[in-house]
Amino acid sequence: MQAIDFDALKVKLGDVAEGSRERYQFTWPGKRAAKAEARMPITKTMRPVPERSKDWNTTQNLYIEGDNLDALKILRETYAGKVKLIYIDPPYNTGHDFIYKDDFRKTVAEGFTESGEFDEEGGRLVMNLETNGRFHSDWCSMIYPRLILSRDLLSQDGAIFISIDDNEVANLIKIMDEVYGYSNRVAVICHKSRASVSNDKIISSNHNFILFMLKI
């Protein structure tokens, strides 16, 4: 029986043998955990508040107050595949509008909760400033599970529209192409978001975008 020279075989096969073949992909630190978050079951439920409602017995509208990730998971249990249209206006990640939870747990006085630095579960709430090394990754990890859940809710002929500006439009397009499929992207609509010229020194950014996707 002839022995196989594996070193020589690897040289012949090159990158294929090393498992490092280059391929196109879009990823970021935390993507795997964000995807797992979308599939994680939820034990919470919605609580009606008739005293704060209008026309409780006759209205056909529903306003949900709370974390939208939790709300989407709860809605999926009843409305999966039944929603015709979804519109999302997420944080644009301008450096001040996106507040996220980090992994740090409360170790100081309860007074921090009242100041807004911690939530009721002890998770620290932090602004996603551009000085954060995970600036784009944190935003992607926030939006990714919500978009996965949104697709679960949509009917087969459903559509989704998402507003965004140029801070994260490139990342949003890549995520939506992955979740919904590139062939289901209808358009990236550019619209005028303000009429007046700002005090920008060189270029006035007065246009935003709306990403239009189908589920089909």
N, C-alpha and C. Protein backbone atom coordinates (compact mmCIF):
# COMPACT_ATOMS: atom_id res chain seq x y z
N MET A 1 0.85 -1.19 0.00
CA MET A 1 0.00 0.00 0.00
C MET A 1 0.89 1.25 0.00
N GLN A 2 0.58 2.18 -0.89
CA GLN A 2 1.37 3.40 -0.99
C GLN A 2 0.89 4.42 0.05
N ALA A 3 1.84 5.11 0.68
CA ALA A 3 1.50 6.14 1.66
C ALA A 3 1.20 7.46 0.94
N ILE A 4 0.32 8.27 1.54
CA ILE A 4 -0.04 9.56 0.97
C ILE A 4 0.80 10.66 1.62
N ASP A 5 1.43 11.45 0.79
CA ASP A 5 2.21 12.59 1.30
C ASP A 5 1.24 13.78 1.43
N PHE A 6 0.68 13.97 2.64
CA PHE A 6 -0.34 15.00 2.85
C PHE A 6 0.23 16.41 2.67
N ASP A 7 1.52 16.61 3.01
CA ASP A 7 2.12 17.92 2.84
C ASP A 7 2.19 18.29 1.36
N ALA A 8 2.56 17.33 0.54
CA ALA A 8 2.62 17.59 -0.90
C ALA A 8 1.22 17.82 -1.47
N LEU A 9 0.24 17.08 -0.95
CA LEU A 9 -1.14 17.23 -1.42
C LEU A 9 -1.68 18.63 -1.09
N LYS A 10 -1.35 19.14 0.11
CA LYS A 10 -1.79 20.48 0.50
C LYS A 10 -1.18 21.54 -0.41
N VAL A 11 0.08 21.33 -0.78
CA VAL A 11 0.73 22.28 -1.67
C VAL A 11 0.00 22.33 -3.01
N LYS A 12 -0.40 21.16 -3.50
CA LYS A 12 -1.11 21.09 -4.78
C LYS A 12 -2.48 21.75 -4.70
N LEU A 13 -3.19 21.50 -3.58
CA LEU A 13 -4.55 22.03 -3.44
C LEU A 13 -4.58 23.48 -3.02
N GLY A 14 -3.53 23.97 -2.39
CA GLY A 14 -3.44 25.37 -2.00
C GLY A 14 -4.46 25.74 -0.94
N ASP A 15 -5.13 26.91 -1.13
CA ASP A 15 -6.07 27.45 -0.14
C ASP A 15 -7.24 26.52 0.12
N VAL A 16 -7.63 25.72 -0.85
CA VAL A 16 -8.77 24.82 -0.68
C VAL A 16 -8.51 23.85 0.46
N ALA A 17 -7.29 23.34 0.54
CA ALA A 17 -6.95 22.39 1.58
C ALA A 17 -6.94 23.03 2.95
N GLU A 18 -6.63 24.32 3.01
CA GLU A 18 -6.56 25.02 4.28
C GLU A 18 -7.93 25.53 4.74
N GLY A 19 -8.93 25.39 3.91
CA GLY A 19 -10.27 25.85 4.28
C GLY A 19 -10.39 27.35 4.28
N SER A 20 -9.53 28.04 3.55
CA SER A 20 -9.54 29.51 3.56
C SER A 20 -9.88 30.08 2.19
N ARG A 21 -10.69 29.37 1.43
CA ARG A 21 -11.08 29.86 0.11
C ARG A 21 -11.83 31.18 0.26
N GLU A 22 -11.45 32.17 -0.51
CA GLU A 22 -12.11 33.47 -0.43
C GLU A 22 -13.51 33.39 -1.01
N ARG A 23 -14.44 34.07 -0.36
CA ARG A 23 -15.81 34.13 -0.86
C ARG A 23 -16.44 35.43 -0.37
N TYR A 24 -17.47 35.88 -1.08
CA TYR A 24 -18.16 37.11 -0.69
C TYR A 24 -19.08 36.82 0.47
N GLN A 25 -18.98 37.62 1.51
CA GLN A 25 -19.87 37.48 2.65
C GLN A 25 -19.90 38.79 3.42
N PHE A 26 -20.97 39.01 4.18
CA PHE A 26 -21.10 40.20 5.00
C PHE A 26 -21.27 39.77 6.45
N THR A 27 -20.35 40.16 7.29
CA THR A 27 -20.42 39.76 8.68
C THR A 27 -19.87 40.87 9.56
N TRP A 28 -20.03 40.71 10.87
CA TRP A 28 -19.54 41.68 11.83
C TRP A 28 -19.45 40.99 13.19
N PRO A 29 -18.68 41.52 14.13
CA PRO A 29 -18.61 40.93 15.48
C PRO A 29 -19.98 40.99 16.16
N GLY A 30 -20.49 39.83 16.56
CA GLY A 30 -21.78 39.78 17.21
C GLY A 30 -22.92 39.29 16.32
N LYS A 31 -22.63 39.00 15.04
CA LYS A 31 -23.69 38.60 14.13
C LYS A 31 -24.33 37.28 14.54
N ARG A 32 -23.51 36.32 14.93
CA ARG A 32 -24.04 35.00 15.31
C ARG A 32 -24.97 35.12 16.52
N ALA A 33 -24.57 35.93 17.50
CA ALA A 33 -25.41 36.12 18.69
C ALA A 33 -26.70 36.84 18.34
N ALA A 34 -26.63 37.80 17.40
CA ALA A 34 -27.83 38.53 16.99
C ALA A 34 -28.83 37.61 16.28
N LYS A 35 -28.32 36.70 15.48
CA LYS A 35 -29.19 35.75 14.79
C LYS A 35 -29.83 34.79 15.79
N ALA A 36 -29.06 34.36 16.78
CA ALA A 36 -29.60 33.47 17.81
C ALA A 36 -30.67 34.17 18.63
N GLU A 37 -30.51 35.48 18.84
CA GLU A 37 -31.48 36.26 19.61
C GLU A 37 -32.85 36.24 18.95
N ALA A 38 -32.87 36.26 17.61
CA ALA A 38 -34.14 36.26 16.90
C ALA A 38 -34.91 34.96 17.11
N ARG A 39 -34.20 33.85 17.30
CA ARG A 39 -34.84 32.54 17.45
C ARG A 39 -35.04 32.14 18.90
N MET A 40 -34.54 32.96 19.81
CA MET A 40 -34.68 32.65 21.23
C MET A 40 -36.14 32.82 21.66
N PRO A 41 -36.75 31.82 22.30
CA PRO A 41 -38.15 31.94 22.73
C PRO A 41 -38.32 33.02 23.78
N ILE A 42 -39.54 33.52 23.89
CA ILE A 42 -39.83 34.58 24.84
C ILE A 42 -40.89 34.11 25.83
N THR A 43 -40.74 34.49 27.07
CA THR A 43 -41.69 34.09 28.11
C THR A 43 -42.59 35.25 28.54
N LYS A 44 -42.42 36.40 27.91
CA LYS A 44 -43.23 37.57 28.24
C LYS A 44 -44.57 37.52 27.52
N THR A 45 -45.48 38.38 27.94
CA THR A 45 -46.77 38.51 27.28
C THR A 45 -47.20 39.97 27.31
N MET A 46 -48.18 40.32 26.50
CA MET A 46 -48.67 41.69 26.48
C MET A 46 -49.77 41.86 27.53
N ARG A 47 -49.78 43.03 28.13
CA ARG A 47 -50.78 43.34 29.15
C ARG A 47 -51.64 44.50 28.67
N PRO A 48 -52.94 44.30 28.51
CA PRO A 48 -53.81 45.40 28.06
C PRO A 48 -53.95 46.46 29.15
N VAL A 49 -54.08 47.71 28.72
CA VAL A 49 -54.25 48.82 29.64
C VAL A 49 -55.48 49.62 29.20
N PRO A 50 -56.70 49.13 29.50
CA PRO A 50 -57.93 49.80 29.05
C PRO A 50 -58.05 51.24 29.52
N GLU A 51 -57.55 51.54 30.71
CA GLU A 51 -57.71 52.90 31.26
C GLU A 51 -56.91 53.94 30.48
N ARG A 52 -55.91 53.50 29.73
CA ARG A 52 -55.12 54.43 28.92
C ARG A 52 -55.50 54.36 27.45
N SER A 53 -56.54 53.61 27.15
CA SER A 53 -56.95 53.39 25.76
C SER A 53 -58.18 54.22 25.41
N LYS A 54 -58.44 54.34 24.15
CA LYS A 54 -59.61 55.06 23.64
C LYS A 54 -60.48 54.10 22.84
N ASP A 55 -61.76 54.09 23.14
CA ASP A 55 -62.71 53.19 22.47
C ASP A 55 -62.23 51.74 22.55
N TRP A 56 -61.93 51.31 23.76
CA TRP A 56 -61.35 49.98 23.98
C TRP A 56 -62.19 48.85 23.38
N ASN A 57 -63.49 48.96 23.49
CA ASN A 57 -64.37 47.86 23.05
C ASN A 57 -64.64 47.86 21.55
N THR A 58 -64.35 48.97 20.87
CA THR A 58 -64.71 49.04 19.44
C THR A 58 -63.52 49.28 18.51
N THR A 59 -62.42 49.77 19.05
CA THR A 59 -61.28 50.08 18.18
C THR A 59 -60.73 48.81 17.53
N GLN A 60 -60.23 48.97 16.32
CA GLN A 60 -59.58 47.86 15.63
C GLN A 60 -58.07 48.11 15.50
N ASN A 61 -57.60 49.06 16.28
CA ASN A 61 -56.18 49.41 16.25
C ASN A 61 -55.49 48.91 17.51
N LEU A 62 -54.19 48.70 17.40
CA LEU A 62 -53.41 48.21 18.53
C LEU A 62 -52.11 48.99 18.61
N TYR A 63 -51.89 49.62 19.75
CA TYR A 63 -50.64 50.35 20.00
C TYR A 63 -49.87 49.60 21.07
N ILE A 64 -48.64 49.21 20.74
CA ILE A 64 -47.83 48.42 21.66
C ILE A 64 -46.68 49.28 22.17
N GLU A 65 -46.53 49.35 23.48
CA GLU A 65 -45.45 50.12 24.09
C GLU A 65 -44.48 49.15 24.77
N GLY A 66 -43.22 49.25 24.40
CA GLY A 66 -42.23 48.35 24.97
C GLY A 66 -41.09 48.09 24.01
N ASP A 67 -40.21 47.18 24.35
CA ASP A 67 -39.10 46.82 23.47
C ASP A 67 -39.65 46.17 22.21
N ASN A 68 -39.28 46.70 21.03
CA ASN A 68 -39.87 46.17 19.81
C ASN A 68 -39.41 44.76 19.48
N LEU A 69 -38.25 44.35 19.99
CA LEU A 69 -37.82 42.97 19.77
C LEU A 69 -38.74 42.01 20.51
N ASP A 70 -39.08 42.33 21.76
CA ASP A 70 -40.01 41.51 22.52
C ASP A 70 -41.39 41.50 21.86
N ALA A 71 -41.83 42.67 21.42
CA ALA A 71 -43.15 42.77 20.80
C ALA A 71 -43.23 41.93 19.53
N LEU A 72 -42.18 41.97 18.72
CA LEU A 72 -42.17 41.20 17.48
C LEU A 72 -42.23 39.70 17.77
N LYS A 73 -41.52 39.26 18.79
CA LYS A 73 -41.55 37.84 19.15
C LYS A 73 -42.94 37.41 19.60
N ILE A 74 -43.59 38.26 20.39
CA ILE A 74 -44.94 37.94 20.86
C ILE A 74 -45.93 37.94 19.70
N LEU A 75 -45.82 38.92 18.82
CA LEU A 75 -46.72 39.00 17.66
C LEU A 75 -46.53 37.81 16.73
N ARG A 76 -45.31 37.33 16.62
CA ARG A 76 -45.03 36.21 15.72
C ARG A 76 -45.83 34.96 16.10
N GLU A 77 -46.09 34.79 17.39
CA GLU A 77 -46.82 33.61 17.84
C GLU A 77 -48.23 33.55 17.27
N THR A 78 -48.82 34.72 17.00
CA THR A 78 -50.20 34.77 16.51
C THR A 78 -50.30 35.21 15.06
N TYR A 79 -49.41 36.10 14.64
CA TYR A 79 -49.56 36.73 13.33
C TYR A 79 -48.49 36.32 12.32
N ALA A 80 -47.76 35.26 12.56
CA ALA A 80 -46.74 34.82 11.60
C ALA A 80 -47.37 34.56 10.24
N GLY A 81 -46.81 35.19 9.21
CA GLY A 81 -47.29 34.99 7.85
C GLY A 81 -48.60 35.68 7.53
N LYS A 82 -49.04 36.63 8.37
CA LYS A 82 -50.35 37.26 8.17
C LYS A 82 -50.29 38.77 7.94
N VAL A 83 -49.11 39.35 8.06
CA VAL A 83 -48.98 40.81 7.95
C VAL A 83 -48.68 41.20 6.51
N LYS A 84 -49.46 42.15 5.99
CA LYS A 84 -49.30 42.57 4.60
C LYS A 84 -48.20 43.61 4.41
N LEU A 85 -48.07 44.51 5.38
CA LEU A 85 -47.16 45.64 5.20
C LEU A 85 -46.49 46.00 6.52
N ILE A 86 -45.18 46.23 6.46
CA ILE A 86 -44.41 46.66 7.61
C ILE A 86 -43.61 47.90 7.22
N TYR A 87 -43.67 48.93 8.07
CA TYR A 87 -42.83 50.11 7.89
C TYR A 87 -41.98 50.27 9.15
N ILE A 88 -40.68 50.44 8.96
CA ILE A 88 -39.76 50.60 10.08
C ILE A 88 -38.99 51.90 9.92
N ASP A 89 -38.94 52.66 11.01
CA ASP A 89 -38.14 53.88 11.05
C ASP A 89 -37.13 53.71 12.19
N PRO A 90 -36.05 52.98 11.96
CA PRO A 90 -35.11 52.64 13.04
C PRO A 90 -34.21 53.82 13.39
N PRO A 91 -33.45 53.70 14.48
CA PRO A 91 -32.42 54.72 14.75
C PRO A 91 -31.45 54.78 13.58
N TYR A 92 -31.08 55.99 13.18
CA TYR A 92 -30.20 56.14 12.03
C TYR A 92 -28.73 56.00 12.39
N ASN A 93 -28.44 55.80 13.68
CA ASN A 93 -27.07 55.64 14.16
C ASN A 93 -26.22 56.87 13.84
N THR A 94 -26.73 58.01 14.24
CA THR A 94 -25.99 59.26 14.02
C THR A 94 -24.98 59.52 15.12
N GLY A 95 -24.95 58.66 16.14
CA GLY A 95 -24.01 58.84 17.23
C GLY A 95 -24.68 59.22 18.52
N HIS A 96 -25.96 59.62 18.46
CA HIS A 96 -26.67 60.02 19.67
C HIS A 96 -28.08 59.43 19.75
N ASP A 97 -28.62 58.98 18.63
CA ASP A 97 -30.02 58.53 18.63
C ASP A 97 -30.15 57.04 18.94
N PHE A 98 -29.07 56.31 19.02
CA PHE A 98 -29.13 54.87 19.23
C PHE A 98 -28.60 54.54 20.61
N ILE A 99 -29.49 54.06 21.48
CA ILE A 99 -29.12 53.62 22.82
C ILE A 99 -29.18 52.10 22.84
N TYR A 100 -28.11 51.46 23.30
CA TYR A 100 -28.09 50.01 23.30
C TYR A 100 -27.67 49.49 24.67
N LYS A 101 -27.96 48.21 24.91
CA LYS A 101 -27.55 47.56 26.15
C LYS A 101 -26.20 46.89 25.95
N ASP A 102 -25.28 47.12 26.88
CA ASP A 102 -24.04 46.38 26.80
C ASP A 102 -24.08 45.26 27.85
N ASP A 103 -22.97 44.55 28.02
CA ASP A 103 -22.94 43.38 28.88
C ASP A 103 -22.60 43.70 30.33
N PHE A 104 -22.39 44.97 30.62
CA PHE A 104 -22.01 45.35 31.97
C PHE A 104 -23.22 45.31 32.89
N ARG A 105 -23.11 44.71 34.05
CA ARG A 105 -24.20 44.59 34.99
C ARG A 105 -24.02 45.56 36.16
N LYS A 106 -25.13 45.93 36.75
CA LYS A 106 -25.13 46.95 37.78
C LYS A 106 -24.34 46.50 39.01
N THR A 107 -23.39 47.32 39.42
CA THR A 107 -22.60 47.00 40.61
C THR A 107 -22.60 48.16 41.59
N VAL A 108 -23.35 49.20 41.29
CA VAL A 108 -23.39 50.38 42.16
C VAL A 108 -24.80 50.61 42.66
N ALA A 109 -25.02 51.77 43.27
CA ALA A 109 -26.30 52.03 43.92
C ALA A 109 -27.46 52.03 42.94
N GLU A 110 -28.68 51.75 43.48
CA GLU A 110 -29.88 51.72 42.66
C GLU A 110 -30.16 53.08 42.02
N GLY A 111 -29.54 54.11 42.54
CA GLY A 111 -29.81 55.44 42.01
C GLY A 111 -29.45 55.59 40.55
N PHE A 112 -28.56 54.73 40.03
CA PHE A 112 -28.20 54.82 38.62
C PHE A 112 -29.40 54.55 37.73
N THR A 113 -30.33 53.69 38.18
CA THR A 113 -31.50 53.38 37.39
C THR A 113 -32.33 54.63 37.14
N GLU A 114 -32.47 55.45 38.17
CA GLU A 114 -33.25 56.67 38.04
C GLU A 114 -32.60 57.66 37.09
N SER A 115 -31.29 57.61 36.98
CA SER A 115 -30.60 58.53 36.08
C SER A 115 -30.66 58.07 34.63
N GLY A 116 -31.17 56.85 34.41
CA GLY A 116 -31.30 56.36 33.05
C GLY A 116 -30.10 55.62 32.54
N GLU A 117 -29.08 55.42 33.38
CA GLU A 117 -27.88 54.73 32.94
C GLU A 117 -28.05 53.22 32.93
N PHE A 118 -29.04 52.70 33.67
CA PHE A 118 -29.32 51.28 33.71
C PHE A 118 -30.81 51.05 33.52
N ASP A 119 -31.17 49.93 32.92
CA ASP A 119 -32.58 49.58 32.83
C ASP A 119 -32.99 48.81 34.08
N GLU A 120 -34.27 48.41 34.15
CA GLU A 120 -34.77 47.76 35.35
C GLU A 120 -34.18 46.36 35.56
N GLU A 121 -33.55 45.78 34.53
CA GLU A 121 -32.94 44.46 34.64
C GLU A 121 -31.45 44.54 34.96
N GLY A 122 -30.94 45.75 35.13
CA GLY A 122 -29.54 45.91 35.49
C GLY A 122 -28.61 46.06 34.30
N GLY A 123 -29.14 46.10 33.09
CA GLY A 123 -28.30 46.28 31.91
C GLY A 123 -27.98 47.75 31.70
N ARG A 124 -26.72 48.05 31.42
CA ARG A 124 -26.32 49.44 31.25
C ARG A 124 -26.75 49.93 29.87
N LEU A 125 -27.31 51.14 29.80
CA LEU A 125 -27.74 51.75 28.56
C LEU A 125 -26.70 52.77 28.12
N VAL A 126 -26.19 52.60 26.90
CA VAL A 126 -25.07 53.40 26.43
C VAL A 126 -25.37 53.99 25.07
N MET A 127 -25.00 55.28 24.88
CA MET A 127 -25.13 55.88 23.56
C MET A 127 -24.07 55.30 22.64
N ASN A 128 -24.45 55.04 21.40
CA ASN A 128 -23.52 54.44 20.44
C ASN A 128 -22.75 55.54 19.72
N LEU A 129 -21.77 56.11 20.41
CA LEU A 129 -20.99 57.20 19.84
C LEU A 129 -19.99 56.67 18.81
N GLU A 130 -19.59 57.54 17.89
CA GLU A 130 -18.68 57.13 16.82
C GLU A 130 -17.31 56.74 17.36
N THR A 131 -17.00 57.12 18.59
CA THR A 131 -15.72 56.73 19.19
C THR A 131 -15.73 55.26 19.63
N ASN A 132 -16.92 54.65 19.63
CA ASN A 132 -17.04 53.24 19.98
C ASN A 132 -16.48 52.39 18.84
N GLY A 133 -15.55 51.49 19.17
CA GLY A 133 -14.94 50.66 18.14
C GLY A 133 -15.92 49.73 17.45
N ARG A 134 -17.09 49.48 18.10
CA ARG A 134 -18.11 48.62 17.51
C ARG A 134 -19.29 49.44 17.00
N PHE A 135 -19.01 50.66 16.59
CA PHE A 135 -20.06 51.61 16.22
C PHE A 135 -21.06 51.01 15.23
N HIS A 136 -20.58 50.49 14.11
CA HIS A 136 -21.47 49.90 13.11
C HIS A 136 -21.92 48.50 13.52
N SER A 137 -21.05 47.76 14.19
CA SER A 137 -21.40 46.39 14.59
C SER A 137 -22.57 46.39 15.56
N ASP A 138 -22.58 47.32 16.52
CA ASP A 138 -23.67 47.37 17.49
C ASP A 138 -24.99 47.67 16.80
N TRP A 139 -24.95 48.56 15.82
CA TRP A 139 -26.18 48.89 15.10
C TRP A 139 -26.66 47.68 14.30
N CYS A 140 -25.76 47.00 13.62
CA CYS A 140 -26.12 45.82 12.83
C CYS A 140 -26.71 44.73 13.74
N SER A 141 -26.11 44.54 14.92
CA SER A 141 -26.60 43.53 15.84
C SER A 141 -27.97 43.89 16.39
N MET A 142 -28.27 45.18 16.48
CA MET A 142 -29.59 45.62 16.93
C MET A 142 -30.65 45.35 15.86
N ILE A 143 -30.38 45.71 14.62
CA ILE A 143 -31.40 45.64 13.57
C ILE A 143 -31.59 44.23 13.03
N TYR A 144 -30.54 43.41 13.05
CA TYR A 144 -30.56 42.09 12.41
C TYR A 144 -31.68 41.18 12.94
N PRO A 145 -31.79 40.93 14.24
CA PRO A 145 -32.86 40.04 14.70
C PRO A 145 -34.25 40.60 14.44
N ARG A 146 -34.39 41.91 14.47
CA ARG A 146 -35.69 42.53 14.22
C ARG A 146 -36.12 42.34 12.78
N LEU A 147 -35.19 42.36 11.86
CA LEU A 147 -35.51 42.15 10.45
C LEU A 147 -35.83 40.68 10.18
N ILE A 148 -35.16 39.77 10.87
CA ILE A 148 -35.49 38.35 10.75
C ILE A 148 -36.92 38.11 11.22
N LEU A 149 -37.29 38.71 12.34
CA LEU A 149 -38.65 38.56 12.87
C LEU A 149 -39.67 39.21 11.95
N SER A 150 -39.30 40.33 11.34
CA SER A 150 -40.24 41.01 10.44
C SER A 150 -40.58 40.12 9.25
N ARG A 151 -39.60 39.39 8.76
CA ARG A 151 -39.87 38.49 7.63
C ARG A 151 -40.80 37.36 8.04
N ASP A 152 -40.65 36.87 9.28
CA ASP A 152 -41.54 35.83 9.77
C ASP A 152 -42.99 36.32 9.82
N LEU A 153 -43.17 37.59 10.10
CA LEU A 153 -44.53 38.15 10.22
C LEU A 153 -45.19 38.37 8.87
N LEU A 154 -44.41 38.69 7.85
CA LEU A 154 -44.98 39.05 6.55
C LEU A 154 -45.64 37.87 5.86
N SER A 155 -46.74 38.16 5.17
CA SER A 155 -47.39 37.16 4.33
C SER A 155 -46.55 36.97 3.06
N GLN A 156 -46.88 35.97 2.27
CA GLN A 156 -46.10 35.66 1.08
C GLN A 156 -46.11 36.80 0.06
N ASP A 157 -47.16 37.61 0.07
CA ASP A 157 -47.22 38.76 -0.83
C ASP A 157 -47.01 40.06 -0.07
N GLY A 158 -46.37 39.97 1.11
CA GLY A 158 -46.16 41.15 1.94
C GLY A 158 -44.97 41.98 1.48
N ALA A 159 -44.91 43.22 1.99
CA ALA A 159 -43.83 44.14 1.64
C ALA A 159 -43.36 44.86 2.89
N ILE A 160 -42.11 45.30 2.85
CA ILE A 160 -41.53 46.04 3.97
C ILE A 160 -40.81 47.27 3.44
N PHE A 161 -40.99 48.39 4.13
CA PHE A 161 -40.32 49.65 3.81
C PHE A 161 -39.52 50.07 5.05
N ILE A 162 -38.27 50.48 4.86
CA ILE A 162 -37.42 50.89 5.97
C ILE A 162 -36.75 52.22 5.62
N SER A 163 -36.94 53.21 6.49
CA SER A 163 -36.28 54.50 6.30
C SER A 163 -34.88 54.46 6.90
N ILE A 164 -33.95 55.16 6.27
CA ILE A 164 -32.57 55.17 6.76
C ILE A 164 -31.85 56.35 6.11
N ASP A 165 -30.74 56.78 6.72
CA ASP A 165 -29.92 57.80 6.07
C ASP A 165 -28.59 57.18 5.66
N ASP A 166 -27.64 58.01 5.25
CA ASP A 166 -26.43 57.45 4.66
C ASP A 166 -25.47 56.87 5.68
N ASN A 167 -25.74 56.99 7.00
CA ASN A 167 -24.86 56.39 8.00
C ASN A 167 -24.83 54.88 7.92
N GLU A 168 -26.01 54.27 7.69
CA GLU A 168 -26.09 52.80 7.71
C GLU A 168 -26.80 52.23 6.49
N VAL A 169 -27.02 53.04 5.46
CA VAL A 169 -27.76 52.53 4.30
C VAL A 169 -27.04 51.36 3.64
N ALA A 170 -25.72 51.42 3.55
CA ALA A 170 -24.97 50.34 2.90
C ALA A 170 -25.10 49.04 3.69
N ASN A 171 -24.98 49.13 5.03
CA ASN A 171 -25.11 47.94 5.87
C ASN A 171 -26.53 47.40 5.85
N LEU A 172 -27.52 48.30 5.85
CA LEU A 172 -28.92 47.86 5.83
C LEU A 172 -29.23 47.10 4.54
N ILE A 173 -28.75 47.58 3.42
CA ILE A 173 -28.99 46.91 2.14
C ILE A 173 -28.40 45.50 2.17
N LYS A 174 -27.19 45.35 2.69
CA LYS A 174 -26.56 44.03 2.75
C LYS A 174 -27.35 43.08 3.67
N ILE A 175 -27.79 43.59 4.82
CA ILE A 175 -28.55 42.75 5.74
C ILE A 175 -29.88 42.34 5.13
N MET A 176 -30.56 43.29 4.49
CA MET A 176 -31.86 42.97 3.89
C MET A 176 -31.72 42.01 2.72
N ASP A 177 -30.65 42.15 1.94
CA ASP A 177 -30.41 41.21 0.85
C ASP A 177 -30.21 39.80 1.39
N GLU A 178 -29.58 39.70 2.57
CA GLU A 178 -29.37 38.39 3.18
C GLU A 178 -30.67 37.82 3.74
N VAL A 179 -31.43 38.63 4.45
CA VAL A 179 -32.64 38.16 5.13
C VAL A 179 -33.77 37.91 4.13
N TYR A 180 -33.97 38.83 3.20
CA TYR A 180 -35.09 38.74 2.27
C TYR A 180 -34.71 38.19 0.89
N GLY A 181 -33.43 38.26 0.57
CA GLY A 181 -32.99 37.81 -0.75
C GLY A 181 -32.82 38.97 -1.70
N TYR A 182 -31.67 39.01 -2.38
CA TYR A 182 -31.37 40.11 -3.29
C TYR A 182 -32.45 40.29 -4.36
N SER A 183 -32.98 39.18 -4.87
CA SER A 183 -33.98 39.26 -5.94
C SER A 183 -35.29 39.88 -5.47
N ASN A 184 -35.50 39.99 -4.16
CA ASN A 184 -36.73 40.58 -3.64
C ASN A 184 -36.59 42.06 -3.31
N ARG A 185 -35.41 42.62 -3.61
CA ARG A 185 -35.25 44.06 -3.43
C ARG A 185 -35.90 44.79 -4.59
N VAL A 186 -36.92 45.60 -4.29
CA VAL A 186 -37.63 46.34 -5.33
C VAL A 186 -36.90 47.62 -5.68
N ALA A 187 -36.53 48.40 -4.64
CA ALA A 187 -35.87 49.68 -4.91
C ALA A 187 -35.27 50.25 -3.64
N VAL A 188 -34.25 51.08 -3.84
CA VAL A 188 -33.75 51.95 -2.78
C VAL A 188 -34.16 53.35 -3.17
N ILE A 189 -35.19 53.86 -2.52
CA ILE A 189 -35.81 55.12 -2.92
C ILE A 189 -35.11 56.28 -2.21
N CYS A 190 -34.63 57.22 -2.97
CA CYS A 190 -34.01 58.42 -2.42
C CYS A 190 -35.06 59.52 -2.36
N HIS A 191 -35.24 60.12 -1.18
CA HIS A 191 -36.24 61.18 -1.07
C HIS A 191 -35.65 62.39 -0.33
N LYS A 192 -36.20 63.54 -0.62
CA LYS A 192 -35.73 64.77 0.00
C LYS A 192 -36.27 64.85 1.42
N SER A 193 -35.37 64.94 2.38
CA SER A 193 -35.78 64.91 3.78
C SER A 193 -35.90 66.30 4.39
N ARG A 194 -35.30 67.29 3.77
CA ARG A 194 -35.44 68.66 4.25
C ARG A 194 -35.22 69.63 3.10
N ALA A 195 -35.86 70.78 3.20
CA ALA A 195 -35.81 71.75 2.10
C ALA A 195 -34.72 72.79 2.29
N SER A 196 -34.43 73.13 3.53
CA SER A 196 -33.47 74.20 3.78
C SER A 196 -32.03 73.68 3.78
N VAL A 197 -31.13 74.55 3.45
CA VAL A 197 -29.71 74.21 3.47
C VAL A 197 -29.20 74.38 4.89
N SER A 198 -28.50 73.40 5.39
CA SER A 198 -27.99 73.48 6.75
C SER A 198 -26.69 74.27 6.78
N ASN A 199 -26.03 74.25 7.91
CA ASN A 199 -24.77 74.95 8.05
C ASN A 199 -23.56 74.09 7.69
N ASP A 200 -23.81 73.00 6.97
CA ASP A 200 -22.70 72.16 6.54
C ASP A 200 -21.70 72.98 5.72
N LYS A 201 -20.43 72.76 5.95
CA LYS A 201 -19.42 73.59 5.31
C LYS A 201 -19.28 73.33 3.82
N ILE A 202 -19.46 72.07 3.42
CA ILE A 202 -19.20 71.73 2.01
C ILE A 202 -20.47 71.26 1.32
N ILE A 203 -21.07 70.18 1.83
CA ILE A 203 -22.24 69.58 1.19
C ILE A 203 -23.37 69.47 2.20
N SER A 204 -24.55 69.84 1.78
CA SER A 204 -25.72 69.73 2.64
C SER A 204 -26.41 68.40 2.38
N SER A 205 -26.39 67.54 3.38
CA SER A 205 -27.03 66.22 3.24
C SER A 205 -28.53 66.35 3.52
N ASN A 206 -29.30 66.51 2.47
CA ASN A 206 -30.73 66.73 2.66
C ASN A 206 -31.60 65.63 2.04
N HIS A 207 -31.00 64.45 1.83
CA HIS A 207 -31.76 63.32 1.30
C HIS A 207 -31.57 62.09 2.19
N ASN A 208 -32.65 61.34 2.36
CA ASN A 208 -32.62 60.05 3.05
C ASN A 208 -33.06 58.96 2.08
N PHE A 209 -33.15 57.74 2.58
CA PHE A 209 -33.48 56.61 1.72
C PHE A 209 -34.61 55.78 2.33
N ILE A 210 -35.34 55.09 1.47
CA ILE A 210 -36.33 54.12 1.89
C ILE A 210 -36.05 52.81 1.14
N LEU A 211 -35.75 51.77 1.87
CA LEU A 211 -35.48 50.46 1.26
C LEU A 211 -36.79 49.71 1.15
N PHE A 212 -37.12 49.27 -0.06
CA PHE A 212 -38.40 48.62 -0.37
C PHE A 212 -38.11 47.18 -0.78
N MET A 213 -38.61 46.21 0.02
CA MET A 213 -38.38 44.80 -0.23
C MET A 213 -39.70 44.03 -0.21
N LEU A 214 -39.73 42.92 -0.94
CA LEU A 214 -40.85 41.99 -0.91
C LEU A 214 -40.41 40.69 -0.24
N LYS A 215 -41.38 39.89 0.18
CA LYS A 215 -41.05 38.61 0.80
C LYS A 215 -41.04 37.48 -0.22
N ILE A 216 -41.69 37.65 -1.33
CA ILE A 216 -41.91 36.58 -2.31
C ILE A 216 -40.63 35.78 -2.56
